[in-house]
């Protein structure tokens, strides 16, 4: 276990999840074995993604307003990435 996790607005946690922000887009990385259906339901719900905390033991990054679900990709090795953007509304 890496000690890293993602925490969604409603308290849902994704252990070993990571986040990265680039050029207005938020990328979330989930480990192999993450349930695809659950991840889709969670990350496509604006109420859950309005505030996401990336906790990496010694520090935290907080991302707010990323409610525009752009996609979910599953790699050949089972790792998942989720793409979010800030809502234009």
N, C-alpha and C. Protein backbone atom coordinates (compact mmCIF):
# COMPACT_ATOMS: atom_id res chain seq x y z
N UNK A 1 0.84 -1.18 0.00
CA UNK A 1 0.00 0.00 0.00
C UNK A 1 0.89 1.24 0.00
N UNK A 2 0.55 2.19 -0.83
CA UNK A 2 1.38 3.37 -0.98
C UNK A 2 1.06 4.47 0.03
N UNK A 3 -0.09 4.40 0.68
CA UNK A 3 -0.50 5.48 1.58
C UNK A 3 -1.21 6.60 0.86
N UNK A 4 -1.36 6.48 -0.43
CA UNK A 4 -2.05 7.49 -1.21
C UNK A 4 -3.52 7.10 -1.37
N UNK A 5 -4.38 8.12 -1.48
CA UNK A 5 -5.78 7.83 -1.73
C UNK A 5 -6.48 9.07 -2.26
N UNK A 6 -7.57 8.83 -2.94
CA UNK A 6 -8.45 9.89 -3.40
C UNK A 6 -9.68 9.89 -2.52
N UNK A 7 -10.14 11.07 -2.15
CA UNK A 7 -11.34 11.19 -1.32
C UNK A 7 -12.31 12.12 -2.04
N UNK A 8 -13.49 11.60 -2.36
CA UNK A 8 -14.50 12.37 -3.07
C UNK A 8 -15.33 13.19 -2.09
N UNK A 9 -16.15 14.12 -2.61
CA UNK A 9 -16.96 15.02 -1.79
C UNK A 9 -17.80 14.31 -0.74
N UNK A 10 -18.32 13.14 -1.07
CA UNK A 10 -19.21 12.42 -0.15
C UNK A 10 -18.45 11.51 0.81
N UNK A 11 -17.12 11.54 0.77
CA UNK A 11 -16.31 10.72 1.65
C UNK A 11 -15.87 9.39 1.05
N UNK A 12 -16.33 9.08 -0.15
CA UNK A 12 -15.90 7.85 -0.83
C UNK A 12 -14.39 7.90 -1.02
N UNK A 13 -13.71 6.82 -0.68
CA UNK A 13 -12.25 6.77 -0.80
C UNK A 13 -11.83 5.73 -1.84
N UNK A 14 -10.79 6.07 -2.57
CA UNK A 14 -10.15 5.16 -3.51
C UNK A 14 -8.70 4.99 -3.07
N UNK A 15 -8.43 3.95 -2.26
CA UNK A 15 -7.07 3.70 -1.80
C UNK A 15 -6.12 3.49 -2.99
N UNK A 16 -4.92 4.00 -2.85
CA UNK A 16 -3.87 3.92 -3.87
C UNK A 16 -4.20 4.70 -5.13
N UNK A 17 -5.24 5.55 -5.08
CA UNK A 17 -5.57 6.41 -6.20
C UNK A 17 -4.65 7.63 -6.20
N UNK A 18 -4.47 8.20 -7.37
CA UNK A 18 -3.62 9.38 -7.51
C UNK A 18 -4.30 10.39 -8.41
N UNK A 19 -3.88 11.64 -8.33
CA UNK A 19 -4.44 12.71 -9.15
C UNK A 19 -3.34 13.55 -9.74
N UNK A 20 -3.60 14.06 -10.93
CA UNK A 20 -2.67 14.97 -11.58
C UNK A 20 -3.44 16.01 -12.37
N UNK A 21 -3.02 17.26 -12.25
CA UNK A 21 -3.68 18.37 -12.92
C UNK A 21 -2.77 18.92 -14.01
N UNK A 22 -3.35 19.13 -15.19
CA UNK A 22 -2.57 19.69 -16.28
C UNK A 22 -3.48 20.45 -17.23
N UNK A 23 -3.14 21.70 -17.48
CA UNK A 23 -3.80 22.51 -18.50
C UNK A 23 -5.33 22.49 -18.39
N UNK A 24 -5.84 22.64 -17.18
CA UNK A 24 -7.28 22.70 -16.98
C UNK A 24 -7.98 21.37 -16.86
N UNK A 25 -7.24 20.30 -16.88
CA UNK A 25 -7.83 18.97 -16.82
C UNK A 25 -7.29 18.20 -15.62
N UNK A 26 -8.17 17.42 -15.00
CA UNK A 26 -7.79 16.60 -13.87
C UNK A 26 -7.82 15.14 -14.30
N UNK A 27 -6.70 14.47 -14.09
CA UNK A 27 -6.57 13.05 -14.40
C UNK A 27 -6.45 12.30 -13.09
N UNK A 28 -7.27 11.28 -12.95
CA UNK A 28 -7.27 10.45 -11.75
C UNK A 28 -6.83 9.05 -12.15
N UNK A 29 -5.95 8.49 -11.38
CA UNK A 29 -5.40 7.17 -11.68
C UNK A 29 -5.78 6.21 -10.58
N UNK A 30 -6.42 5.12 -10.96
CA UNK A 30 -6.91 4.13 -10.02
C UNK A 30 -6.19 2.81 -10.25
N UNK A 31 -5.91 2.07 -9.19
CA UNK A 31 -5.12 0.84 -9.31
C UNK A 31 -5.90 -0.30 -9.98
N UNK A 32 -5.16 -1.30 -10.42
CA UNK A 32 -5.77 -2.52 -10.96
C UNK A 32 -6.72 -3.09 -9.93
N UNK A 33 -7.80 -3.66 -10.40
CA UNK A 33 -8.77 -4.27 -9.49
C UNK A 33 -9.90 -3.34 -9.09
N UNK A 34 -9.80 -2.06 -9.46
CA UNK A 34 -10.88 -1.12 -9.16
C UNK A 34 -12.10 -1.50 -9.99
N UNK A 35 -13.26 -1.52 -9.37
CA UNK A 35 -14.50 -1.86 -10.06
C UNK A 35 -14.86 -0.76 -11.07
N UNK A 36 -14.90 -1.12 -12.35
CA UNK A 36 -15.14 -0.15 -13.42
C UNK A 36 -16.52 0.49 -13.28
N UNK A 37 -17.52 -0.31 -13.00
CA UNK A 37 -18.88 0.20 -12.89
C UNK A 37 -18.99 1.21 -11.74
N UNK A 38 -18.45 0.86 -10.59
CA UNK A 38 -18.48 1.76 -9.43
C UNK A 38 -17.72 3.05 -9.74
N UNK A 39 -16.55 2.94 -10.36
CA UNK A 39 -15.77 4.13 -10.70
C UNK A 39 -16.55 5.03 -11.66
N UNK A 40 -17.21 4.44 -12.65
CA UNK A 40 -17.99 5.25 -13.60
C UNK A 40 -19.11 5.98 -12.87
N UNK A 41 -19.85 5.27 -12.01
CA UNK A 41 -20.95 5.88 -11.27
C UNK A 41 -20.43 7.02 -10.38
N UNK A 42 -19.34 6.77 -9.67
CA UNK A 42 -18.79 7.78 -8.75
C UNK A 42 -18.26 9.00 -9.48
N UNK A 43 -17.44 8.80 -10.50
CA UNK A 43 -16.75 9.93 -11.13
C UNK A 43 -17.60 10.66 -12.17
N UNK A 44 -18.74 10.09 -12.54
CA UNK A 44 -19.64 10.82 -13.45
C UNK A 44 -20.72 11.58 -12.67
N UNK A 45 -20.67 11.52 -11.35
CA UNK A 45 -21.62 12.21 -10.49
C UNK A 45 -21.01 13.54 -10.02
N UNK A 46 -21.50 14.67 -10.54
CA UNK A 46 -20.93 15.97 -10.16
C UNK A 46 -20.95 16.25 -8.67
N UNK A 47 -21.94 15.72 -7.95
CA UNK A 47 -21.99 15.94 -6.51
C UNK A 47 -20.81 15.27 -5.80
N UNK A 48 -20.30 14.18 -6.38
CA UNK A 48 -19.17 13.47 -5.78
C UNK A 48 -17.82 14.04 -6.21
N UNK A 49 -17.78 14.66 -7.40
CA UNK A 49 -16.49 15.15 -7.92
C UNK A 49 -16.29 16.64 -7.72
N UNK A 50 -17.27 17.33 -7.13
CA UNK A 50 -17.13 18.77 -6.93
C UNK A 50 -15.92 19.10 -6.07
N UNK A 51 -15.55 18.18 -5.17
CA UNK A 51 -14.36 18.35 -4.34
C UNK A 51 -13.66 17.00 -4.26
N UNK A 52 -12.43 16.96 -4.71
CA UNK A 52 -11.63 15.74 -4.65
C UNK A 52 -10.32 16.07 -3.94
N UNK A 53 -9.99 15.26 -2.96
CA UNK A 53 -8.74 15.43 -2.23
C UNK A 53 -7.82 14.27 -2.60
N UNK A 54 -6.60 14.62 -2.97
CA UNK A 54 -5.55 13.62 -3.20
C UNK A 54 -4.66 13.66 -1.97
N UNK A 55 -4.80 12.65 -1.14
CA UNK A 55 -4.04 12.55 0.11
C UNK A 55 -2.85 11.64 -0.12
N UNK A 56 -1.65 12.18 0.03
CA UNK A 56 -0.45 11.35 -0.14
C UNK A 56 0.43 11.42 1.09
N UNK A 57 -0.19 11.09 2.22
CA UNK A 57 0.42 10.94 3.53
C UNK A 57 1.03 12.21 4.09
N UNK A 58 2.04 12.77 3.45
CA UNK A 58 2.71 13.94 4.00
C UNK A 58 2.05 15.25 3.60
N UNK A 59 1.13 15.19 2.66
CA UNK A 59 0.47 16.40 2.18
C UNK A 59 -0.83 16.03 1.47
N UNK A 60 -1.60 17.05 1.11
CA UNK A 60 -2.84 16.86 0.37
C UNK A 60 -2.97 17.94 -0.69
N UNK A 61 -3.56 17.55 -1.81
CA UNK A 61 -3.96 18.50 -2.84
C UNK A 61 -5.48 18.44 -2.93
N UNK A 62 -6.11 19.59 -3.06
CA UNK A 62 -7.56 19.64 -3.17
C UNK A 62 -7.93 20.22 -4.53
N UNK A 63 -8.86 19.57 -5.20
CA UNK A 63 -9.33 20.00 -6.51
C UNK A 63 -10.83 20.23 -6.41
N UNK A 64 -11.28 21.42 -6.79
CA UNK A 64 -12.71 21.73 -6.71
C UNK A 64 -13.24 22.15 -8.08
N UNK A 65 -14.51 21.84 -8.29
CA UNK A 65 -15.20 22.25 -9.51
C UNK A 65 -15.01 21.33 -10.70
N UNK A 66 -14.38 20.21 -10.53
CA UNK A 66 -14.17 19.28 -11.64
C UNK A 66 -15.37 18.34 -11.74
N UNK A 67 -16.44 18.84 -12.35
CA UNK A 67 -17.70 18.10 -12.42
C UNK A 67 -18.06 17.65 -13.82
N UNK A 68 -17.22 17.94 -14.79
CA UNK A 68 -17.48 17.56 -16.19
C UNK A 68 -16.73 16.26 -16.49
N UNK A 69 -17.45 15.14 -16.47
CA UNK A 69 -16.85 13.83 -16.74
C UNK A 69 -16.51 13.74 -18.23
N UNK A 70 -15.26 13.48 -18.55
CA UNK A 70 -14.82 13.40 -19.94
C UNK A 70 -14.55 11.97 -20.41
N UNK A 71 -14.25 11.07 -19.48
CA UNK A 71 -14.03 9.69 -19.90
C UNK A 71 -13.31 8.86 -18.87
N UNK A 72 -13.35 7.56 -19.12
CA UNK A 72 -12.70 6.58 -18.26
C UNK A 72 -12.00 5.58 -19.18
N UNK A 73 -10.75 5.32 -18.92
CA UNK A 73 -9.98 4.39 -19.74
C UNK A 73 -9.43 3.27 -18.87
N UNK A 74 -9.48 2.07 -19.40
CA UNK A 74 -8.93 0.91 -18.72
C UNK A 74 -7.74 0.42 -19.54
N UNK A 75 -6.56 0.42 -18.93
CA UNK A 75 -5.35 -0.03 -19.62
C UNK A 75 -5.29 -1.55 -19.67
N UNK A 76 -4.40 -2.07 -20.51
CA UNK A 76 -4.23 -3.52 -20.63
C UNK A 76 -3.83 -4.17 -19.31
N UNK A 77 -3.14 -3.44 -18.46
CA UNK A 77 -2.70 -4.01 -17.18
C UNK A 77 -3.75 -3.85 -16.07
N UNK A 78 -4.94 -3.36 -16.42
CA UNK A 78 -6.03 -3.24 -15.46
C UNK A 78 -6.09 -1.91 -14.73
N UNK A 79 -5.10 -1.06 -14.92
CA UNK A 79 -5.13 0.26 -14.28
C UNK A 79 -6.14 1.15 -15.01
N UNK A 80 -6.74 2.04 -14.27
CA UNK A 80 -7.79 2.88 -14.81
C UNK A 80 -7.41 4.34 -14.68
N UNK A 81 -7.81 5.13 -15.68
CA UNK A 81 -7.64 6.57 -15.57
C UNK A 81 -8.99 7.23 -15.88
N UNK A 82 -9.24 8.29 -15.15
CA UNK A 82 -10.49 9.05 -15.28
C UNK A 82 -10.11 10.48 -15.63
N UNK A 83 -10.83 11.05 -16.58
CA UNK A 83 -10.55 12.40 -17.06
C UNK A 83 -11.73 13.30 -16.68
N UNK A 84 -11.45 14.37 -15.93
CA UNK A 84 -12.47 15.34 -15.54
C UNK A 84 -12.01 16.74 -15.95
N UNK A 85 -12.98 17.61 -16.17
CA UNK A 85 -12.67 19.02 -16.44
C UNK A 85 -13.63 19.87 -15.59
N UNK A 86 -13.31 21.13 -15.49
CA UNK A 86 -14.22 22.03 -14.77
C UNK A 86 -15.43 22.27 -15.66
N UNK A 87 -16.57 22.34 -15.03
CA UNK A 87 -17.80 22.58 -15.77
C UNK A 87 -17.79 23.97 -16.36
N UNK A 88 -18.24 24.08 -17.59
CA UNK A 88 -18.30 25.38 -18.28
C UNK A 88 -19.54 26.16 -17.89
N UNK A 89 -20.45 25.54 -17.16
CA UNK A 89 -21.74 26.16 -16.82
C UNK A 89 -21.60 27.15 -15.71
